[in-house]
Amino acid sequence: MALDDNVLDVLFRSARTKWEFTEEPITDDEIKAIYDLVKLGPTSANCSPARFVFIRTPEGKEKLKPALSAGNLDKTMAAPVTVIVAQDPVFYMNLPKLYPPADAKGWFSGNPDLAEETAFRNSTLQGAYLIMAARALGIDCGPMSGFDKTVVNRNFFSQSGWKANFLINLGHAVPGEHPFPRLPKLDFDEAAIFA
């Protein structure tokens, strides 16, 4: 069943990266509703390596602050929520639960390069699912990669061993906030071929 044009507008056509948010909070229930959609998106062998830190407190923002690039500092400190999309390098420890049809844990436990590649690829997918899930639930997003991963990993993941991938600011955008027109996109013939 194809989605109607209104839904496609919300998810893609009218959706924009947001930089400025109102002070309206994002609730625990809204965050959990986002995750409940994210966890359903496909990953390799259902490996689900993404881990998420939803930063809402002043203390959490202060821990994040030294990692932010100058261009991302003010908007991130002002956003109601900033999500660290991370990956668990030993995600495969959960595979006996997540992928019972086979001994998938063994595919990765003895192959660190494959585990790292799989964790990065699939946590990136799950971060994209988070953007789409938030949009579907009426929450605006500002994904970004302008930050020092070493600082984030030290300040947030020194005990868990998780690794930062990218950040997403969440909130309700200030109405009309579009500093410039939508940037150009590649046409089909510039980015895709039939084979």
C-alpha atoms as a PDB file:
ATOM      1  CA  MET A   1       0.000   0.000   0.000  1.00  0.00           C
ATOM      2  CA  ALA A   2       1.535   3.300  -1.074  1.00  0.00           C
ATOM      3  CA  LEU A   3       1.478   6.210   1.359  1.00  0.00           C
ATOM      4  CA  ASP A   4      -0.544   9.244   0.363  1.00  0.00           C
ATOM      5  CA  ASP A   5       1.038  12.504  -0.745  1.00  0.00           C
ATOM      6  CA  ASN A   6       0.471  14.206   2.626  1.00  0.00           C
ATOM      7  CA  VAL A   7       2.564  11.572   4.391  1.00  0.00           C
ATOM      8  CA  LEU A   8       5.274  11.709   1.725  1.00  0.00           C
ATOM      9  CA  ASP A   9       5.348  15.490   2.126  1.00  0.00           C
ATOM     10  CA  VAL A  10       5.867  15.170   5.904  1.00  0.00           C
ATOM     11  CA  LEU A  11       8.588  12.555   5.562  1.00  0.00           C
ATOM     12  CA  PHE A  12      10.410  13.836   2.476  1.00  0.00           C
ATOM     13  CA  ARG A  13       9.119  16.613   0.218  1.00  0.00           C
ATOM     14  CA  SER A  14       8.413  19.314   2.798  1.00  0.00           C
ATOM     15  CA  ALA A  15      10.785  18.020   5.476  1.00  0.00           C
ATOM     16  CA  ARG A  16      13.867  20.116   6.105  1.00  0.00           C
ATOM     17  CA  THR A  17      16.815  19.964   8.439  1.00  0.00           C
ATOM     18  CA  LYS A  18      15.903  22.220  11.364  1.00  0.00           C
ATOM     19  CA  TRP A  19      18.324  24.429  13.267  1.00  0.00           C
ATOM     20  CA  GLU A  20      16.130  26.466  15.568  1.00  0.00           C
ATOM     21  CA  PHE A  21      13.546  25.001  17.937  1.00  0.00           C
ATOM     22  CA  THR A  22      10.872  26.298  20.270  1.00  0.00           C
ATOM     23  CA  GLU A  23      11.164  25.633  24.006  1.00  0.00           C
ATOM     24  CA  GLU A  24       8.423  22.989  23.845  1.00  0.00           C
ATOM     25  CA  PRO A  25       9.929  19.857  25.433  1.00  0.00           C
ATOM     26  CA  ILE A  26      10.107  16.391  23.943  1.00  0.00           C
ATOM     27  CA  THR A  27       8.622  13.978  26.472  1.00  0.00           C
ATOM     28  CA  ASP A  28       9.826  10.575  27.621  1.00  0.00           C
ATOM     29  CA  ASP A  29       6.797   9.023  25.923  1.00  0.00           C
ATOM     30  CA  GLU A  30       7.646  10.749  22.621  1.00  0.00           C
ATOM     31  CA  ILE A  31      11.251   9.544  22.794  1.00  0.00           C
ATOM     32  CA  LYS A  32      10.117   5.991  23.545  1.00  0.00           C
ATOM     33  CA  ALA A  33       7.594   6.156  20.681  1.00  0.00           C
ATOM     34  CA  ILE A  34      10.410   7.159  18.322  1.00  0.00           C
ATOM     35  CA  TYR A  35      12.551   4.249  19.492  1.00  0.00           C
ATOM     36  CA  ASP A  36       9.665   1.799  19.193  1.00  0.00           C
ATOM     37  CA  LEU A  37       9.552   2.631  15.470  1.00  0.00           C
ATOM     38  CA  VAL A  38      13.337   2.723  15.008  1.00  0.00           C
ATOM     39  CA  LYS A  39      13.826  -0.767  16.396  1.00  0.00           C
ATOM     40  CA  LEU A  40      11.569  -2.205  13.680  1.00  0.00           C
ATOM     41  CA  GLY A  41      13.772  -1.034  10.785  1.00  0.00           C
ATOM     42  CA  PRO A  42      15.850  -3.740   9.077  1.00  0.00           C
ATOM     43  CA  THR A  43      19.501  -4.358   9.949  1.00  0.00           C
ATOM     44  CA  SER A  44      21.904  -7.100   8.878  1.00  0.00           C
ATOM     45  CA  ALA A  45      20.867 -10.333  10.622  1.00  0.00           C
ATOM     46  CA  ASN A  46      18.730  -8.146  12.901  1.00  0.00           C
ATOM     47  CA  CYS A  47      22.005  -7.083  14.553  1.00  0.00           C
ATOM     48  CA  SER A  48      20.657  -3.711  15.791  1.00  0.00           C
ATOM     49  CA  PRO A  49      24.040  -2.216  16.753  1.00  0.00           C
ATOM     50  CA  ALA A  50      22.847   1.374  17.257  1.00  0.00           C
ATOM     51  CA  ARG A  51      22.780   2.803  20.753  1.00  0.00           C
ATOM     52  CA  PHE A  52      21.166   6.154  21.512  1.00  0.00           C
ATOM     53  CA  VAL A  53      21.833   8.776  24.163  1.00  0.00           C
ATOM     54  CA  PHE A  54      18.986  11.301  24.417  1.00  0.00           C
ATOM     55  CA  ILE A  55      20.571  14.383  26.000  1.00  0.00           C
ATOM     56  CA  ARG A  56      18.076  16.744  27.639  1.00  0.00           C
ATOM     57  CA  THR A  57      19.649  17.929  30.882  1.00  0.00           C
ATOM     58  CA  PRO A  58      21.965  20.926  31.324  1.00  0.00           C
ATOM     59  CA  GLU A  59      24.573  18.515  32.717  1.00  0.00           C
ATOM     60  CA  GLY A  60      24.359  16.319  29.627  1.00  0.00           C
ATOM     61  CA  LYS A  61      24.612  19.317  27.309  1.00  0.00           C
ATOM     62  CA  GLU A  62      27.696  20.560  29.208  1.00  0.00           C
ATOM     63  CA  LYS A  63      29.352  17.147  28.691  1.00  0.00           C
ATOM     64  CA  LEU A  64      28.610  17.415  24.976  1.00  0.00           C
ATOM     65  CA  LYS A  65      29.586  21.079  24.593  1.00  0.00           C
ATOM     66  CA  PRO A  66      33.389  20.672  24.278  1.00  0.00           C
ATOM     67  CA  ALA A  67      32.912  18.230  21.389  1.00  0.00           C
ATOM     68  CA  LEU A  68      30.797  20.538  19.229  1.00  0.00           C
ATOM     69  CA  SER A  69      32.111  22.498  16.263  1.00  0.00           C
ATOM     70  CA  ALA A  70      31.573  26.266  16.375  1.00  0.00           C
ATOM     71  CA  GLY A  71      28.794  26.077  13.783  1.00  0.00           C
ATOM     72  CA  ASN A  72      26.847  23.491  15.772  1.00  0.00           C
ATOM     73  CA  LEU A  73      27.379  24.847  19.279  1.00  0.00           C
ATOM     74  CA  ASP A  74      24.535  27.325  19.813  1.00  0.00           C
ATOM     75  CA  LYS A  75      21.832  25.351  18.036  1.00  0.00           C
ATOM     76  CA  THR A  76      22.737  22.159  19.888  1.00  0.00           C
ATOM     77  CA  MET A  77      22.859  23.799  23.290  1.00  0.00           C
ATOM     78  CA  ALA A  78      19.410  25.322  22.622  1.00  0.00           C
ATOM     79  CA  ALA A  79      17.749  22.185  21.190  1.00  0.00           C
ATOM     80  CA  PRO A  80      15.307  20.399  23.525  1.00  0.00           C
ATOM     81  CA  VAL A  81      17.022  17.052  22.832  1.00  0.00           C
ATOM     82  CA  THR A  82      20.281  16.061  21.210  1.00  0.00           C
ATOM     83  CA  VAL A  83      20.662  12.407  20.303  1.00  0.00           C
ATOM     84  CA  ILE A  84      24.040  10.766  20.098  1.00  0.00           C
ATOM     85  CA  VAL A  85      23.636   7.989  17.545  1.00  0.00           C
ATOM     86  CA  ALA A  86      26.314   5.503  18.512  1.00  0.00           C
ATOM     87  CA  GLN A  87      27.235   1.913  17.814  1.00  0.00           C
ATOM     88  CA  ASP A  88      28.093  -0.935  20.115  1.00  0.00           C
ATOM     89  CA  PRO A  89      31.298  -2.560  18.795  1.00  0.00           C
ATOM     90  CA  VAL A  90      30.326  -5.848  20.452  1.00  0.00           C
ATOM     91  CA  PHE A  91      26.730  -5.757  19.191  1.00  0.00           C
ATOM     92  CA  TYR A  92      27.139  -9.420  18.250  1.00  0.00           C
ATOM     93  CA  MET A  93      26.885 -10.432  21.907  1.00  0.00           C
ATOM     94  CA  ASN A  94      23.110  -9.884  21.513  1.00  0.00           C
ATOM     95  CA  LEU A  95      22.778 -11.995  18.377  1.00  0.00           C
ATOM     96  CA  PRO A  96      21.749 -15.193  20.198  1.00  0.00           C
ATOM     97  CA  LYS A  97      18.642 -13.230  21.249  1.00  0.00           C
ATOM     98  CA  LEU A  98      18.203 -11.137  18.098  1.00  0.00           C
ATOM     99  CA  TYR A  99      18.958 -13.766  15.443  1.00  0.00           C
ATOM    100  CA  PRO A 100      18.069 -17.209  16.769  1.00  0.00           C
ATOM    101  CA  PRO A 101      17.931 -18.957  13.341  1.00  0.00           C
ATOM    102  CA  ALA A 102      21.755 -19.247  13.235  1.00  0.00           C
ATOM    103  CA  ASP A 103      24.903 -18.856  15.312  1.00  0.00           C
ATOM    104  CA  ALA A 104      25.420 -15.342  13.957  1.00  0.00           C
ATOM    105  CA  LYS A 105      27.553 -14.273  16.906  1.00  0.00           C
ATOM    106  CA  GLY A 106      30.400 -16.355  15.479  1.00  0.00           C
ATOM    107  CA  TRP A 107      30.260 -14.477  12.190  1.00  0.00           C
ATOM    108  CA  PHE A 108      31.529 -11.345  13.937  1.00  0.00           C
ATOM    109  CA  SER A 109      33.265 -12.316  17.196  1.00  0.00           C
ATOM    110  CA  GLY A 110      36.361 -13.588  15.372  1.00  0.00           C
ATOM    111  CA  ASN A 111      36.328 -10.955  12.635  1.00  0.00           C
ATOM    112  CA  PRO A 112      36.832  -7.446  14.057  1.00  0.00           C
ATOM    113  CA  ASP A 113      36.932  -5.760  10.630  1.00  0.00           C
ATOM    114  CA  LEU A 114      33.572  -7.248   9.641  1.00  0.00           C
ATOM    115  CA  ALA A 115      32.122  -6.371  13.053  1.00  0.00           C
ATOM    116  CA  GLU A 116      33.277  -2.743  12.771  1.00  0.00           C
ATOM    117  CA  GLU A 117      31.951  -2.355   9.230  1.00  0.00           C
ATOM    118  CA  THR A 118      28.631  -3.962  10.159  1.00  0.00           C
ATOM    119  CA  ALA A 119      28.230  -1.853  13.301  1.00  0.00           C
ATOM    120  CA  PHE A 120      28.924   1.386  11.430  1.00  0.00           C
ATOM    121  CA  ARG A 121      26.695   0.626   8.442  1.00  0.00           C
ATOM    122  CA  ASN A 122      23.742  -0.573  10.474  1.00  0.00           C
ATOM    123  CA  SER A 123      23.944   2.084  13.199  1.00  0.00           C
ATOM    124  CA  THR A 124      23.915   4.680  10.421  1.00  0.00           C
ATOM    125  CA  LEU A 125      20.778   3.046   9.011  1.00  0.00           C
ATOM    126  CA  GLN A 126      19.178   3.085  12.445  1.00  0.00           C
ATOM    127  CA  GLY A 127      20.038   6.768  12.851  1.00  0.00           C
ATOM    128  CA  ALA A 128      18.278   7.457   9.551  1.00  0.00           C
ATOM    129  CA  TYR A 129      15.277   5.473  10.788  1.00  0.00           C
ATOM    130  CA  LEU A 130      15.273   7.733  13.852  1.00  0.00           C
ATOM    131  CA  ILE A 131      15.015  10.814  11.642  1.00  0.00           C
ATOM    132  CA  MET A 132      12.108   9.343   9.710  1.00  0.00           C
ATOM    133  CA  ALA A 133      10.362   8.079  12.860  1.00  0.00           C
ATOM    134  CA  ALA A 134      10.661  11.487  14.521  1.00  0.00           C
ATOM    135  CA  ARG A 135       9.277  13.229  11.441  1.00  0.00           C
ATOM    136  CA  ALA A 136       6.403  10.739  11.283  1.00  0.00           C
ATOM    137  CA  LEU A 137       5.553  11.618  14.897  1.00  0.00           C
ATOM    138  CA  GLY A 138       5.632  15.379  14.295  1.00  0.00           C
ATOM    139  CA  ILE A 139       9.098  16.059  15.711  1.00  0.00           C
ATOM    140  CA  ASP A 140      11.634  18.049  13.709  1.00  0.00           C
ATOM    141  CA  CYS A 141      15.247  16.965  13.259  1.00  0.00           C
ATOM    142  CA  GLY A 142      18.632  18.560  12.744  1.00  0.00           C
ATOM    143  CA  PRO A 143      21.183  15.813  11.986  1.00  0.00           C
ATOM    144  CA  MET A 144      24.844  16.798  11.996  1.00  0.00           C
ATOM    145  CA  SER A 145      28.367  15.488  11.951  1.00  0.00           C
ATOM    146  CA  GLY A 146      30.317  18.552  13.077  1.00  0.00           C
ATOM    147  CA  PHE A 147      31.719  17.289  16.367  1.00  0.00           C
ATOM    148  CA  ASP A 148      34.773  15.599  17.858  1.00  0.00           C
ATOM    149  CA  LYS A 149      33.981  11.898  18.225  1.00  0.00           C
ATOM    150  CA  THR A 150      36.965  11.345  20.511  1.00  0.00           C
ATOM    151  CA  VAL A 151      35.558  13.821  23.042  1.00  0.00           C
ATOM    152  CA  VAL A 152      32.044  12.337  22.844  1.00  0.00           C
ATOM    153  CA  ASN A 153      33.392   8.812  23.288  1.00  0.00           C
ATOM    154  CA  ARG A 154      35.487   9.887  26.278  1.00  0.00           C
ATOM    155  CA  ASN A 155      32.724  11.910  27.945  1.00  0.00           C
ATOM    156  CA  PHE A 156      29.852   9.492  27.362  1.00  0.00           C
ATOM    157  CA  PHE A 157      31.157   6.014  26.522  1.00  0.00           C
ATOM    158  CA  SER A 158      34.324   5.403  28.533  1.00  0.00           C
ATOM    159  CA  GLN A 159      32.621   2.575  30.418  1.00  0.00           C
ATOM    160  CA  SER A 160      30.276   1.116  27.781  1.00  0.00           C
ATOM    161  CA  GLY A 161      32.765   1.167  24.902  1.00  0.00           C
ATOM    162  CA  TRP A 162      30.136   2.482  22.494  1.00  0.00           C
ATOM    163  CA  LYS A 163      31.372   4.653  19.624  1.00  0.00           C
ATOM    164  CA  ALA A 164      29.722   7.880  18.445  1.00  0.00           C
ATOM    165  CA  ASN A 165      28.487   7.974  14.852  1.00  0.00           C
ATOM    166  CA  PHE A 166      26.537  11.253  14.434  1.00  0.00           C
ATOM    167  CA  LEU A 167      24.248  13.678  16.277  1.00  0.00           C
ATOM    168  CA  ILE A 168      20.614  14.668  15.787  1.00  0.00           C
ATOM    169  CA  ASN A 169      18.923  17.654  17.399  1.00  0.00           C
ATOM    170  CA  LEU A 170      15.212  17.060  18.063  1.00  0.00           C
ATOM    171  CA  GLY A 171      12.449  19.512  18.820  1.00  0.00           C
ATOM    172  CA  HIS A 172       9.578  21.506  17.406  1.00  0.00           C
ATOM    173  CA  ALA A 173      10.948  23.939  14.846  1.00  0.00           C
ATOM    174  CA  VAL A 174      10.392  27.653  15.093  1.00  0.00           C
ATOM    175  CA  PRO A 175       7.635  28.327  12.507  1.00  0.00           C
ATOM    176  CA  GLY A 176       8.902  29.545   9.177  1.00  0.00           C
ATOM    177  CA  GLU A 177      12.544  28.902  10.043  1.00  0.00           C
ATOM    178  CA  HIS A 178      14.289  28.268   6.687  1.00  0.00           C
ATOM    179  CA  PRO A 179      17.464  30.333   6.329  1.00  0.00           C
ATOM    180  CA  PHE A 180      17.768  29.547   2.621  1.00  0.00           C
ATOM    181  CA  PRO A 181      15.891  27.636  -0.094  1.00  0.00           C
ATOM    182  CA  ARG A 182      16.178  23.857  -0.341  1.00  0.00           C
ATOM    183  CA  LEU A 183      19.580  22.989  -1.755  1.00  0.00           C
ATOM    184  CA  PRO A 184      19.795  21.327  -5.172  1.00  0.00           C
ATOM    185  CA  LYS A 185      19.521  17.556  -5.463  1.00  0.00           C
ATOM    186  CA  LEU A 186      20.954  15.270  -8.128  1.00  0.00           C
ATOM    187  CA  ASP A 187      18.537  14.092 -10.803  1.00  0.00           C
ATOM    188  CA  PHE A 188      17.990  10.389 -11.284  1.00  0.00           C
ATOM    189  CA  ASP A 189      20.314  10.208 -14.306  1.00  0.00           C
ATOM    190  CA  GLU A 190      23.093  11.857 -12.303  1.00  0.00           C
ATOM    191  CA  ALA A 191      22.914   9.449  -9.365  1.00  0.00           C
ATOM    192  CA  ALA A 192      21.425   6.186 -10.610  1.00  0.00           C
ATOM    193  CA  ILE A 193      21.583   3.707 -13.464  1.00  0.00           C
ATOM    194  CA  PHE A 194      19.639   0.671 -14.545  1.00  0.00           C
ATOM    195  CA  ALA A 195      21.659  -2.516 -14.946  1.00  0.00           C
END
